[in-house]
Amino acid sequence: MKRILSLVIILVMVLSFAACKAGVPASVPGPEEPDKPTADMTEAPETTEAPETTEAPETSPDPGETQYPGAYVPAGYNAHDYLVLRELFSTRLKYGMTLGEDCWGDHYFEDDVFYSIDDPSTWYTQYHWVKWDEDGYATEISFYPASEVVPAELDLTGFERLQSVKIWYTTFDKITIKDCPMLTGGCMVYAGNAEGEAYIEAGFIDQLNLGSATHVYCSLMGDEYPFTLDLTAEGPGSVKASSAMVDGKYRVTATAIKNYYNDFLGWFDEDGNLVSEEMHLQLAGEGIDAPISGDHRYIAKFSAPPAPEPQKEGDYFCEIKPFVPAHIDLDGDGKPDSILVSQKDTDDYAEDMINVLITLAAKPDEPYYFPAGSEGGDIIAAAVDFDPDDGHIEVVLCYDMCDGDPVTYVFRLKDDGSGFDVFVKYIDVVVEAEGRLINWYSQELPEDYAFSAEHGLDFARRTEILGTHFVFNRFTVTAEGIQIIDEEYTYNCNLELTLKRDLKVTLENGKTKTLHRGDKIKPYSTDRETFVKVELEDGRIGRVEVTFGREGFPVYLNGVNQDKYAEMPYAD
């Protein structure tokens, strides 16, 4: 009987404890809570309990509680600051990794600790960091990613104790830094915007380089020297703002950036009066302790570029100039589709960014965006009908990268209309002008140029066979990609090489002939891999076997270093 009574008592205690637990709300699950660093990466001191008050003051809820309801916040960190930065560092970059992974992903901390988006103590290296004070508020933010942020917004609004912001060579669609009362100095922003806006408030903008954007706004807070700069672009162009100390004076420069094939009309005030026709508008104060004051609002106006027209002769070919929308029926439905090739072209350190935006008339709400390259010089683009019978018109983009290597992209609508296939080859599109093949972007496209679908587009590739040369071929485009037409690349030069030793060649009839020292040869054609053909003094063509060193150089002719045969003209 006693045993039964004991079991009953135990059961009652278990049920009572379970009932108490059921009345406690479950905590939001999250990773193991890390230790929080202070601004100097030391441990925060233990906090004491706040004294009791007779009446609790009215307080607004933590922005983190309303903006990110139920989100996990590590113990000791301000919910707003942590959650806003967590979202920022979770943003994907162009090449797939997140901004946080780019900044800290390969960094090893002590005790086998690696970067974690859930652990703010790992958001710190020599080059990128977020520093926190002992109360868990962010005080410093500094980073510069290795690649562009995929269209994203940088919003540092409402950071109560933020004192320093350093952002380098970064592209965002929109930048907002405001309502940060302690940001009285050390605001350093080098960022490029494409079709976006920039809005910054700070006590003093130490260094600033914002561009290129359709709207830039920056404000220096303070009662003694309030300053506001508000820049707007009107037309196909953009604006940027920068600051610097020049001869002891604090100088802010507003810069207008015109696009290709249009004109900058000038800076205008709000009443429409012309202020300056110079692209750089400079405003100077008396020194770093006395920056510019007052409100400065200017509009940069740009002219509209001419609309593109297709070539009048030959098969369909329409040049597409950068920043000039082309309206061409790519899918054969009788409705013009929109193609826009753009390039961020600034005079700052940031590299150019080349983008292609295609919007089909049948799917106006589903534009196709392709970031073609993060660096580049001049660019050329065209809509080309490589096969008049297949119902497709392709978009060709070619540009010469900063390292001198050309690249060509071709965009072709999938047969089911679900998107675009993108084909790429490292070739340089060229056209014939005045009897020779030229780099199209080195000058205007010849007025009499007529594209032939049967011939295809000419292109050039570099070779080191018989010296440094560009050799030429043709290509067309099918559903399978870029198709090279000819088996051999032809030299387009009048170079004569004088032999320094005997050279055995195979003639077109299969017989061999030995050329002797003093004989002259001209480069004729090559497959760039296994052979080169040369023109003899009597006009006959001879073939020579080609091999390469381990890294593609030197070049061997019949197994002998080609430099032993003649003085080869190499590029620097």
Protein backbone atom coordinates (compact mmCIF):
# COMPACT_ATOMS: atom_id res chain seq x y z
CA MET A 1 0.00 0.00 0.00
CA LYS A 2 2.88 2.38 0.86
CA ARG A 3 4.55 1.59 -2.46
CA ILE A 4 1.35 2.50 -4.36
CA LEU A 5 0.99 5.75 -2.36
CA SER A 6 4.60 6.69 -3.16
CA LEU A 7 4.07 6.13 -6.87
CA VAL A 8 0.95 8.31 -6.80
CA ILE A 9 2.86 11.14 -5.08
CA ILE A 10 5.68 10.94 -7.63
CA LEU A 11 3.21 10.98 -10.54
CA VAL A 12 1.48 14.09 -9.12
CA MET A 13 4.87 15.89 -8.83
CA VAL A 14 5.79 15.05 -12.42
CA LEU A 15 2.47 16.32 -13.76
CA SER A 16 2.74 19.52 -11.73
CA PHE A 17 6.24 20.21 -13.06
CA ALA A 18 5.11 19.57 -16.66
CA ALA A 19 2.22 21.97 -16.20
CA CYS A 20 4.59 24.68 -15.01
CA LYS A 21 6.85 24.15 -18.03
CA ALA A 22 3.88 24.35 -20.39
CA GLY A 23 3.17 27.89 -19.19
CA VAL A 24 6.66 29.16 -20.25
CA PRO A 25 6.96 30.30 -23.92
CA ALA A 26 9.55 28.42 -25.94
CA SER A 27 12.67 30.41 -26.72
CA VAL A 28 13.62 31.05 -30.34
CA PRO A 29 16.08 28.32 -31.32
CA GLY A 30 19.54 29.41 -32.34
CA PRO A 31 23.15 28.37 -32.35
CA GLU A 32 25.26 28.24 -29.25
CA GLU A 33 25.61 31.79 -27.94
CA PRO A 34 29.15 33.14 -28.46
CA ASP A 35 31.08 35.46 -26.22
CA LYS A 36 30.63 39.07 -27.30
CA PRO A 37 33.73 41.18 -27.99
CA THR A 38 34.01 44.85 -27.06
CA ALA A 39 35.34 47.57 -29.34
CA ASP A 40 38.88 46.48 -28.51
CA MET A 41 38.00 42.78 -28.65
CA THR A 42 38.20 42.31 -24.84
CA GLU A 43 35.54 40.63 -22.76
CA ALA A 44 32.72 42.80 -21.53
CA PRO A 45 32.52 43.34 -17.75
CA GLU A 46 29.67 41.81 -15.85
CA THR A 47 26.70 44.12 -15.63
CA THR A 48 24.88 44.91 -12.40
CA GLU A 49 21.14 44.87 -11.98
CA ALA A 50 19.41 48.16 -12.60
CA PRO A 51 17.88 49.83 -9.50
CA GLU A 52 14.16 49.53 -9.09
CA THR A 53 12.09 52.47 -10.22
CA THR A 54 8.64 53.42 -9.11
CA GLU A 55 7.39 54.05 -12.63
CA ALA A 56 8.84 52.58 -15.81
CA PRO A 57 9.50 55.22 -18.50
CA GLU A 58 7.79 54.85 -21.84
CA THR A 59 10.12 53.26 -24.37
CA SER A 60 9.67 52.32 -27.98
CA PRO A 61 10.28 48.65 -28.85
CA ASP A 62 13.69 47.63 -30.12
CA PRO A 63 13.58 47.93 -33.95
CA GLY A 64 14.93 44.40 -34.14
CA GLU A 65 11.87 43.07 -32.37
CA THR A 66 9.48 44.55 -34.92
CA GLN A 67 11.57 44.29 -38.09
CA TYR A 68 12.72 40.72 -37.43
CA PRO A 69 10.07 39.19 -35.14
CA GLY A 70 11.17 35.97 -33.49
CA ALA A 71 14.71 36.15 -34.90
CA TYR A 72 17.62 34.72 -32.93
CA VAL A 73 19.91 37.31 -31.31
CA PRO A 74 23.07 36.22 -29.45
CA ALA A 75 23.07 37.15 -25.78
CA GLY A 76 24.50 40.58 -25.05
CA TYR A 77 24.07 42.07 -28.53
CA ASN A 78 21.71 44.86 -29.54
CA ALA A 79 18.95 43.23 -31.58
CA HIS A 80 18.70 46.02 -34.18
CA ASP A 81 22.43 46.31 -34.85
CA TYR A 82 23.03 42.56 -34.97
CA LEU A 83 20.04 41.67 -37.15
CA VAL A 84 20.56 44.50 -39.67
CA LEU A 85 24.24 43.61 -40.08
CA ARG A 86 23.44 39.90 -40.20
CA GLU A 87 21.14 40.53 -43.16
CA LEU A 88 23.79 42.71 -44.83
CA PHE A 89 26.56 40.12 -44.51
CA SER A 90 24.20 37.40 -45.77
CA THR A 91 23.85 39.24 -49.10
CA ARG A 92 25.14 37.25 -52.06
CA LEU A 93 28.01 38.59 -54.14
CA LYS A 94 28.34 38.27 -57.89
CA TYR A 95 30.29 35.02 -57.68
CA GLY A 96 27.96 33.23 -55.28
CA MET A 97 29.50 33.63 -51.84
CA THR A 98 28.00 35.93 -49.24
CA LEU A 99 29.49 39.26 -48.24
CA GLY A 100 30.39 37.80 -44.84
CA GLU A 101 32.06 34.76 -46.41
CA ASP A 102 34.05 37.05 -48.69
CA CYS A 103 35.27 39.14 -45.74
CA TRP A 104 35.92 36.43 -43.15
CA GLY A 105 35.26 33.01 -44.68
CA ASP A 106 38.91 31.95 -44.92
CA HIS A 107 40.01 33.41 -41.59
CA TYR A 108 40.98 31.08 -38.75
CA PHE A 109 40.38 32.24 -35.21
CA GLU A 110 41.80 30.65 -32.07
CA ASP A 111 40.51 27.38 -30.62
CA ASP A 112 39.30 26.02 -33.97
CA VAL A 113 36.79 28.84 -34.39
CA PHE A 114 35.88 29.89 -37.94
CA TYR A 115 33.61 32.58 -39.33
CA SER A 116 29.91 32.16 -38.61
CA ILE A 117 27.09 34.51 -39.54
CA ASP A 118 25.55 33.61 -36.16
CA ASP A 119 28.66 34.60 -34.18
CA PRO A 120 29.47 38.35 -34.31
CA SER A 121 32.77 37.73 -32.53
CA THR A 122 34.03 36.24 -35.83
CA TRP A 123 33.18 39.38 -37.80
CA TYR A 124 36.67 40.73 -37.35
CA THR A 125 40.01 40.60 -39.18
CA GLN A 126 42.77 43.06 -39.89
CA TYR A 127 41.00 44.29 -43.03
CA HIS A 128 37.27 43.89 -42.34
CA TRP A 129 35.58 44.34 -39.01
CA VAL A 130 32.54 45.16 -36.94
CA LYS A 131 33.40 46.41 -33.47
CA TRP A 132 30.96 46.37 -30.56
CA ASP A 133 30.86 48.23 -27.26
CA GLU A 134 30.27 46.59 -23.90
CA ASP A 135 26.52 47.02 -24.25
CA GLY A 136 26.40 45.16 -27.58
CA TYR A 137 26.01 48.17 -29.91
CA ALA A 138 27.98 48.34 -33.16
CA THR A 139 30.53 51.18 -33.05
CA GLU A 140 32.67 50.62 -36.16
CA ILE A 141 31.96 49.02 -39.54
CA SER A 142 34.64 48.51 -42.19
CA PHE A 143 34.78 46.20 -45.22
CA TYR A 144 35.62 45.97 -48.90
CA PRO A 145 34.48 42.85 -50.77
CA ALA A 146 36.47 41.24 -53.58
CA SER A 147 33.55 41.30 -56.02
CA GLU A 148 30.38 43.24 -56.67
CA VAL A 149 27.35 42.84 -54.45
CA VAL A 150 24.46 41.43 -56.46
CA PRO A 151 21.81 44.20 -56.59
CA ALA A 152 21.39 44.99 -52.92
CA GLU A 153 20.80 47.86 -50.54
CA LEU A 154 23.14 49.10 -47.87
CA ASP A 155 20.96 50.56 -45.11
CA LEU A 156 22.70 51.68 -41.91
CA THR A 157 19.75 53.51 -40.40
CA GLY A 158 19.24 53.86 -36.67
CA PHE A 159 22.61 52.69 -35.33
CA GLU A 160 22.59 54.55 -32.02
CA ARG A 161 26.31 54.28 -31.21
CA LEU A 162 27.90 53.91 -34.64
CA GLN A 163 30.99 56.15 -34.74
CA SER A 164 32.88 55.08 -37.87
CA VAL A 165 31.94 53.71 -41.29
CA LYS A 166 34.55 52.68 -43.87
CA ILE A 167 33.28 51.08 -47.06
CA TRP A 168 35.64 50.59 -49.99
CA TYR A 169 35.10 49.91 -53.69
CA THR A 170 31.65 48.44 -53.30
CA THR A 171 28.61 48.53 -55.56
CA PHE A 172 25.10 48.75 -54.13
CA ASP A 173 21.80 49.68 -55.72
CA LYS A 174 21.11 52.07 -52.87
CA ILE A 175 23.11 53.42 -49.95
CA THR A 176 21.46 54.93 -46.86
CA ILE A 177 23.33 56.03 -43.74
CA LYS A 178 21.20 58.17 -41.42
CA ASP A 179 19.81 58.53 -37.90
CA CYS A 180 23.19 57.62 -36.41
CA PRO A 181 23.64 60.39 -33.77
CA MET A 182 27.21 59.43 -32.82
CA LEU A 183 28.52 59.33 -36.40
CA THR A 184 30.28 62.66 -35.98
CA GLY A 185 33.40 61.74 -37.91
CA GLY A 186 35.25 59.03 -39.71
CA CYS A 187 32.64 58.42 -42.40
CA MET A 188 34.64 57.13 -45.34
CA VAL A 189 32.68 55.76 -48.29
CA TYR A 190 34.14 54.70 -51.63
CA ALA A 191 31.22 53.10 -53.42
CA GLY A 192 29.76 52.95 -56.91
CA ASN A 193 26.05 52.91 -57.64
CA ALA A 194 24.36 51.84 -60.87
CA GLU A 195 20.87 53.22 -61.45
CA GLY A 196 20.59 53.79 -57.70
CA GLU A 197 20.65 56.38 -54.93
CA ALA A 198 22.96 57.41 -52.12
CA TYR A 199 21.80 59.11 -48.92
CA ILE A 200 24.33 59.82 -46.18
CA GLU A 201 24.18 61.88 -42.96
CA ALA A 202 27.26 62.31 -40.80
CA GLY A 203 28.90 64.86 -38.54
CA PHE A 204 31.83 65.00 -40.94
CA ILE A 205 32.41 62.96 -44.08
CA ASP A 206 36.12 62.27 -43.86
CA GLN A 207 36.42 60.88 -47.38
CA LEU A 208 33.62 60.42 -49.84
CA ASN A 209 33.43 58.94 -53.30
CA LEU A 210 29.88 58.14 -54.34
CA GLY A 211 29.01 57.42 -57.93
CA SER A 212 27.63 56.84 -60.33
CA ALA A 213 24.01 57.25 -59.26
CA THR A 214 20.85 58.91 -60.44
CA HIS A 215 20.54 60.67 -57.08
CA VAL A 216 23.18 61.47 -54.45
CA TYR A 217 22.37 63.13 -51.14
CA CYS A 218 24.81 63.81 -48.31
CA SER A 219 24.39 65.95 -45.23
CA LEU A 220 26.86 67.09 -42.57
CA MET A 221 25.06 67.27 -39.25
CA GLY A 222 25.86 69.99 -36.72
CA ASP A 223 24.65 73.43 -35.74
CA GLU A 224 27.77 75.42 -36.62
CA TYR A 225 28.44 74.23 -40.15
CA PRO A 226 25.36 72.45 -41.51
CA PHE A 227 25.87 71.34 -45.10
CA THR A 228 23.64 69.56 -47.58
CA LEU A 229 24.54 68.39 -51.08
CA ASP A 230 21.72 67.09 -53.25
CA LEU A 231 22.60 65.96 -56.78
CA THR A 232 20.21 64.55 -59.38
CA ALA A 233 20.84 63.24 -62.89
CA GLU A 234 18.30 64.11 -65.57
CA GLY A 235 18.67 62.14 -68.79
CA PRO A 236 21.01 59.26 -69.70
CA GLY A 237 23.83 59.99 -67.28
CA SER A 238 24.76 59.84 -63.63
CA VAL A 239 26.23 61.93 -60.81
CA LYS A 240 28.80 61.38 -58.09
CA ALA A 241 30.14 63.28 -55.10
CA SER A 242 33.63 63.21 -53.61
CA SER A 243 35.53 65.10 -50.94
CA ALA A 244 39.16 65.84 -50.18
CA MET A 245 41.48 68.24 -48.41
CA VAL A 246 43.25 70.50 -50.93
CA ASP A 247 45.68 73.18 -49.72
CA GLY A 248 44.10 73.14 -46.28
CA LYS A 249 40.60 73.57 -47.62
CA TYR A 250 37.81 71.05 -47.41
CA ARG A 251 36.61 70.57 -50.98
CA VAL A 252 33.51 68.76 -52.15
CA THR A 253 33.26 68.02 -55.85
CA ALA A 254 30.07 67.19 -57.72
CA THR A 255 30.81 65.30 -60.94
CA ALA A 256 28.52 64.65 -63.89
CA ILE A 257 29.21 61.44 -65.79
CA LYS A 258 27.84 61.32 -69.30
CA ASN A 259 27.23 58.11 -71.14
CA TYR A 260 28.48 57.26 -74.60
CA TYR A 261 27.10 59.11 -77.61
CA ASN A 262 25.33 61.87 -75.72
CA ASP A 263 26.28 65.26 -74.30
CA PHE A 264 26.43 66.86 -70.88
CA LEU A 265 24.30 70.01 -70.97
CA GLY A 266 25.40 71.50 -67.67
CA TRP A 267 24.65 71.87 -63.95
CA PHE A 268 21.40 73.67 -63.19
CA ASP A 269 19.86 74.94 -59.97
CA GLU A 270 16.31 74.21 -58.81
CA ASP A 271 14.98 77.21 -60.75
CA GLY A 272 16.45 75.94 -64.02
CA ASN A 273 19.32 78.43 -64.16
CA LEU A 274 22.61 77.24 -65.63
CA VAL A 275 25.28 77.10 -62.92
CA SER A 276 28.20 75.57 -64.84
CA GLU A 277 28.95 73.76 -68.06
CA GLU A 278 31.96 72.02 -66.51
CA MET A 279 31.43 68.36 -65.59
CA HIS A 280 33.27 68.91 -62.28
CA LEU A 281 31.57 71.41 -59.98
CA GLN A 282 33.78 72.26 -56.99
CA LEU A 283 32.66 73.69 -53.66
CA ALA A 284 35.34 74.67 -51.13
CA GLY A 285 35.31 75.58 -47.43
CA GLU A 286 37.97 77.26 -45.30
CA GLY A 287 39.41 74.17 -43.62
CA ILE A 288 38.76 70.85 -42.01
CA ASP A 289 37.25 72.57 -38.95
CA ALA A 290 35.10 74.81 -41.11
CA PRO A 291 33.54 72.73 -43.86
CA ILE A 292 31.17 74.08 -46.43
CA SER A 293 27.84 75.28 -45.11
CA GLY A 294 24.42 75.79 -46.64
CA ASP A 295 22.21 73.81 -48.96
CA HIS A 296 23.54 72.94 -52.40
CA ARG A 297 21.06 71.36 -54.80
CA TYR A 298 22.01 70.84 -58.43
CA ILE A 299 20.65 68.96 -61.43
CA ALA A 300 23.00 67.48 -64.05
CA LYS A 301 21.23 67.42 -67.41
CA PHE A 302 22.18 65.19 -70.32
CA SER A 303 21.01 65.05 -73.93
CA ALA A 304 19.20 62.02 -75.32
CA PRO A 305 21.36 59.84 -77.65
CA PRO A 306 20.21 58.97 -81.17
CA ALA A 307 18.30 55.73 -81.71
CA PRO A 308 20.20 52.90 -83.47
CA GLU A 309 19.41 51.91 -87.05
CA PRO A 310 20.18 48.55 -88.74
CA GLN A 311 22.65 48.32 -91.60
CA LYS A 312 21.01 49.11 -94.91
CA GLU A 313 22.75 46.33 -96.87
CA GLY A 314 23.15 42.59 -96.33
CA ASP A 315 21.49 40.34 -93.76
CA TYR A 316 20.13 41.81 -90.55
CA PHE A 317 22.78 43.53 -88.43
CA CYS A 318 22.09 46.39 -86.02
CA GLU A 319 24.81 48.00 -83.94
CA ILE A 320 23.82 48.57 -80.30
CA LYS A 321 25.58 51.50 -78.69
CA PRO A 322 26.08 51.54 -74.91
CA PHE A 323 23.28 53.23 -72.94
CA VAL A 324 21.10 53.48 -76.05
CA PRO A 325 18.07 51.17 -75.82
CA ALA A 326 17.61 49.12 -78.99
CA HIS A 327 14.14 47.85 -79.87
CA ILE A 328 14.47 44.71 -81.99
CA ASP A 329 12.23 41.67 -82.42
CA LEU A 330 14.47 38.90 -81.07
CA ASP A 331 11.86 36.14 -80.81
CA GLY A 332 9.96 36.66 -84.06
CA ASP A 333 6.56 37.46 -82.48
CA GLY A 334 6.25 40.73 -84.36
CA LYS A 335 6.80 42.87 -81.25
CA PRO A 336 10.02 44.79 -80.63
CA ASP A 337 12.02 43.63 -77.61
CA SER A 338 14.34 45.92 -75.64
CA ILE A 339 18.12 45.47 -75.40
CA LEU A 340 20.20 47.77 -73.20
CA VAL A 341 23.97 47.44 -72.86
CA SER A 342 25.36 49.63 -70.09
CA GLN A 343 28.75 50.30 -68.63
CA LYS A 344 29.60 52.00 -65.35
CA ASP A 345 32.21 54.45 -66.57
CA THR A 346 33.80 56.50 -63.79
CA ASP A 347 37.13 58.21 -63.29
CA ASP A 348 37.72 56.72 -59.86
CA TYR A 349 39.61 53.58 -58.91
CA ALA A 350 36.61 51.27 -59.26
CA GLU A 351 36.64 49.16 -62.38
CA ASP A 352 33.97 49.44 -65.02
CA MET A 353 30.99 47.12 -64.89
CA ILE A 354 29.38 45.95 -68.14
CA ASN A 355 25.76 44.78 -68.03
CA VAL A 356 23.24 43.46 -70.53
CA LEU A 357 19.51 43.89 -69.91
CA ILE A 358 17.05 42.25 -72.32
CA THR A 359 13.30 42.67 -71.91
CA LEU A 360 10.99 40.69 -74.16
CA ALA A 361 7.77 42.42 -75.18
CA ALA A 362 5.91 39.20 -74.34
CA LYS A 363 7.34 39.22 -70.78
CA PRO A 364 7.73 42.87 -69.73
CA ASP A 365 7.81 41.95 -66.02
CA GLU A 366 10.60 39.37 -66.42
CA PRO A 367 13.68 41.23 -67.69
CA TYR A 368 16.81 39.17 -68.29
CA TYR A 369 19.86 40.68 -66.57
CA PHE A 370 23.42 39.55 -67.20
CA PRO A 371 26.52 41.12 -65.59
CA ALA A 372 28.96 40.46 -68.39
CA GLY A 373 32.15 41.73 -66.81
CA SER A 374 33.60 43.64 -63.91
CA GLU A 375 36.34 45.26 -65.93
CA GLY A 376 36.75 46.37 -69.46
CA GLY A 377 37.73 49.00 -71.93
CA ASP A 378 35.71 49.96 -75.00
CA ILE A 379 32.80 47.72 -75.89
CA ILE A 380 30.90 46.83 -79.04
CA ALA A 381 27.51 45.18 -79.34
CA ALA A 382 25.09 44.28 -82.10
CA ALA A 383 21.92 42.35 -82.86
CA VAL A 384 22.82 39.82 -85.56
CA ASP A 385 20.72 37.37 -87.57
CA PHE A 386 23.19 34.53 -88.11
CA ASP A 387 20.50 32.29 -89.69
CA PRO A 388 17.59 34.08 -91.38
CA ASP A 389 15.62 30.79 -91.39
CA ASP A 390 15.75 29.87 -87.69
CA GLY A 391 13.55 32.67 -86.31
CA HIS A 392 16.25 33.95 -83.94
CA ILE A 393 18.23 37.17 -83.74
CA GLU A 394 21.22 36.96 -81.43
CA VAL A 395 22.84 39.70 -79.34
CA VAL A 396 26.65 39.87 -79.60
CA LEU A 397 28.77 41.69 -77.01
CA CYS A 398 32.55 42.07 -77.30
CA TYR A 399 34.96 44.08 -75.19
CA ASP A 400 38.67 44.29 -74.62
CA MET A 401 39.43 43.51 -70.98
CA CYS A 402 41.87 45.64 -69.04
CA ASP A 403 44.55 42.95 -69.31
CA GLY A 404 44.35 43.23 -73.10
CA ASP A 405 42.50 39.96 -73.69
CA PRO A 406 39.24 40.29 -75.65
CA VAL A 407 36.07 38.37 -74.79
CA THR A 408 32.86 37.86 -76.77
CA TYR A 409 29.44 36.92 -75.40
CA VAL A 410 26.46 35.82 -77.48
CA PHE A 411 22.92 35.84 -76.06
CA ARG A 412 20.42 33.56 -77.82
CA LEU A 413 16.80 33.05 -76.79
CA LYS A 414 16.05 29.47 -75.84
CA ASP A 415 13.73 27.63 -78.21
CA ASP A 416 11.05 27.34 -75.49
CA GLY A 417 11.33 31.06 -74.68
CA SER A 418 12.22 30.36 -71.04
CA GLY A 419 15.37 32.46 -71.03
CA PHE A 420 18.63 33.02 -72.85
CA ASP A 421 21.59 30.78 -73.56
CA VAL A 422 24.87 32.62 -73.06
CA PHE A 423 27.86 31.53 -75.12
CA VAL A 424 31.36 32.91 -74.57
CA LYS A 425 34.71 32.72 -76.34
CA TYR A 426 37.87 34.73 -75.85
CA ILE A 427 37.89 36.17 -79.34
CA ASP A 428 37.91 39.69 -80.73
CA VAL A 429 35.19 40.63 -83.21
CA VAL A 430 36.55 42.56 -86.20
CA VAL A 431 35.12 44.02 -89.41
CA GLU A 432 36.52 44.71 -92.85
CA ALA A 433 37.22 48.32 -93.72
CA GLU A 434 39.26 49.67 -96.62
CA GLY A 435 40.45 46.18 -97.49
CA ARG A 436 41.67 45.22 -94.02
CA LEU A 437 40.24 43.80 -90.82
CA ILE A 438 40.05 46.26 -87.93
CA ASN A 439 39.06 46.30 -84.31
CA TRP A 440 35.52 47.54 -84.54
CA TYR A 441 35.65 49.52 -81.29
CA SER A 442 38.88 51.25 -82.30
CA GLN A 443 36.83 53.39 -84.68
CA GLU A 444 33.31 53.85 -85.97
CA LEU A 445 31.70 50.94 -87.79
CA PRO A 446 32.22 51.54 -91.53
CA GLU A 447 29.11 53.04 -93.14
CA ASP A 448 29.28 50.59 -96.03
CA TYR A 449 29.62 47.52 -93.82
CA ALA A 450 27.22 44.77 -94.88
CA PHE A 451 26.87 41.62 -92.80
CA SER A 452 26.47 38.29 -94.56
CA ALA A 453 24.96 35.35 -92.65
CA GLU A 454 26.71 33.00 -95.04
CA HIS A 455 30.10 34.56 -94.29
CA GLY A 456 29.52 35.02 -90.51
CA LEU A 457 31.37 37.45 -88.28
CA ASP A 458 35.13 37.84 -88.52
CA PHE A 459 37.18 37.58 -85.36
CA ALA A 460 40.80 37.68 -84.27
CA ARG A 461 42.87 35.64 -81.84
CA ARG A 462 46.41 36.11 -80.66
CA THR A 463 49.22 33.67 -81.40
CA GLU A 464 52.95 33.55 -80.68
CA ILE A 465 53.72 31.32 -83.68
CA LEU A 466 56.29 33.11 -85.89
CA GLY A 467 56.16 36.03 -83.45
CA THR A 468 53.24 37.84 -81.87
CA HIS A 469 50.36 38.17 -84.32
CA PHE A 470 46.60 38.32 -84.51
CA VAL A 471 45.25 35.60 -86.78
CA PHE A 472 41.76 35.68 -88.22
CA ASN A 473 38.78 33.38 -88.65
CA ARG A 474 34.97 33.51 -88.85
CA PHE A 475 32.17 32.32 -86.61
CA THR A 476 28.44 31.77 -86.68
CA VAL A 477 25.95 30.94 -83.91
CA THR A 478 23.57 27.99 -83.61
CA ALA A 479 21.56 26.48 -80.76
CA GLU A 480 24.77 24.61 -79.80
CA GLY A 481 26.80 27.79 -79.36
CA ILE A 482 29.52 29.75 -81.15
CA GLN A 483 30.75 27.73 -84.14
CA ILE A 484 34.14 28.53 -85.71
CA ILE A 485 33.80 28.20 -89.48
CA ASP A 486 37.29 27.76 -90.92
CA GLU A 487 39.77 25.08 -89.89
CA GLU A 488 42.70 27.45 -90.30
CA TYR A 489 43.37 30.96 -89.02
CA THR A 490 44.90 33.31 -91.55
CA TYR A 491 47.65 35.85 -90.96
CA ASN A 492 46.85 39.33 -92.21
CA CYS A 493 50.33 40.84 -92.40
CA ASN A 494 53.06 41.52 -94.91
CA LEU A 495 55.83 40.28 -92.65
CA GLU A 496 58.86 38.65 -94.26
CA LEU A 497 61.18 36.50 -92.15
CA THR A 498 64.74 35.78 -93.26
CA LEU A 499 65.89 32.30 -92.24
CA LYS A 500 69.05 31.92 -90.15
CA ARG A 501 69.21 28.13 -90.65
CA ASP A 502 67.70 25.43 -92.84
CA LEU A 503 63.97 24.74 -92.44
CA LYS A 504 62.18 21.67 -93.83
CA VAL A 505 58.57 22.24 -95.01
CA THR A 506 55.89 19.96 -96.50
CA LEU A 507 54.37 21.31 -99.70
CA GLU A 508 50.69 21.00 -100.55
CA ASN A 509 51.43 18.11 -102.93
CA GLY A 510 52.88 16.12 -100.03
CA LYS A 511 56.52 16.48 -101.03
CA THR A 512 59.11 17.96 -98.67
CA LYS A 513 61.45 20.85 -99.45
CA THR A 514 64.36 22.22 -97.48
CA LEU A 515 64.63 26.01 -97.27
CA HIS A 516 68.13 27.35 -96.72
CA ARG A 517 69.68 30.15 -94.74
CA GLY A 518 68.87 33.50 -96.36
CA ASP A 519 65.59 32.30 -97.87
CA LYS A 520 62.51 34.39 -97.03
CA ILE A 521 59.14 33.17 -95.79
CA LYS A 522 55.83 34.88 -94.96
CA PRO A 523 53.34 33.69 -92.29
CA TYR A 524 50.27 32.33 -94.10
CA SER A 525 47.91 30.32 -91.83
CA THR A 526 47.80 28.13 -88.73
CA ASP A 527 45.49 26.04 -86.59
CA ARG A 528 47.15 27.67 -83.53
CA GLU A 529 47.91 24.22 -82.09
CA THR A 530 49.79 21.78 -84.33
CA PHE A 531 51.03 23.46 -87.51
CA VAL A 532 51.77 26.71 -89.30
CA LYS A 533 51.84 27.33 -93.04
CA VAL A 534 54.27 29.74 -94.67
CA GLU A 535 54.42 31.28 -98.13
CA LEU A 536 57.65 30.65 -99.99
CA GLU A 537 59.35 33.16 -102.30
CA ASP A 538 57.96 31.32 -105.34
CA GLY A 539 54.38 31.58 -103.99
CA ARG A 540 54.05 27.95 -102.94
CA ILE A 541 52.73 27.09 -99.46
CA GLY A 542 54.72 24.94 -97.05
CA ARG A 543 53.61 23.39 -93.78
CA VAL A 544 55.73 23.19 -90.59
CA GLU A 545 54.93 21.14 -87.48
CA VAL A 546 54.44 23.18 -84.28
CA THR A 547 54.80 22.20 -80.61
CA PHE A 548 54.91 24.27 -77.44
CA GLY A 549 56.75 24.41 -74.14
CA ARG A 550 55.10 23.35 -70.91
CA GLU A 551 53.33 26.70 -70.38
CA GLY A 552 52.69 27.42 -74.04
CA PHE A 553 56.06 28.99 -74.66
CA PRO A 554 58.55 28.79 -76.29
CA VAL A 555 57.26 27.71 -79.70
CA TYR A 556 59.08 24.92 -81.53
CA LEU A 557 59.18 24.47 -85.32
CA ASN A 558 59.97 20.86 -86.24
CA GLY A 559 61.17 20.42 -82.67
CA VAL A 560 63.57 23.42 -82.71
CA ASN A 561 62.99 26.71 -80.88
CA GLN A 562 61.59 29.06 -83.51
CA ASP A 563 63.92 31.87 -82.40
CA LYS A 564 66.80 29.91 -83.94
CA TYR A 565 65.20 30.18 -87.40
CA ALA A 566 64.62 33.94 -87.63
CA GLU A 567 64.26 37.19 -85.71
CA MET A 568 60.69 36.83 -84.48
CA PRO A 569 58.64 40.03 -83.86
CA TYR A 570 57.29 39.59 -80.34
CA ALA A 571 55.07 42.04 -78.53
CA ASP A 572 56.41 43.63 -75.35
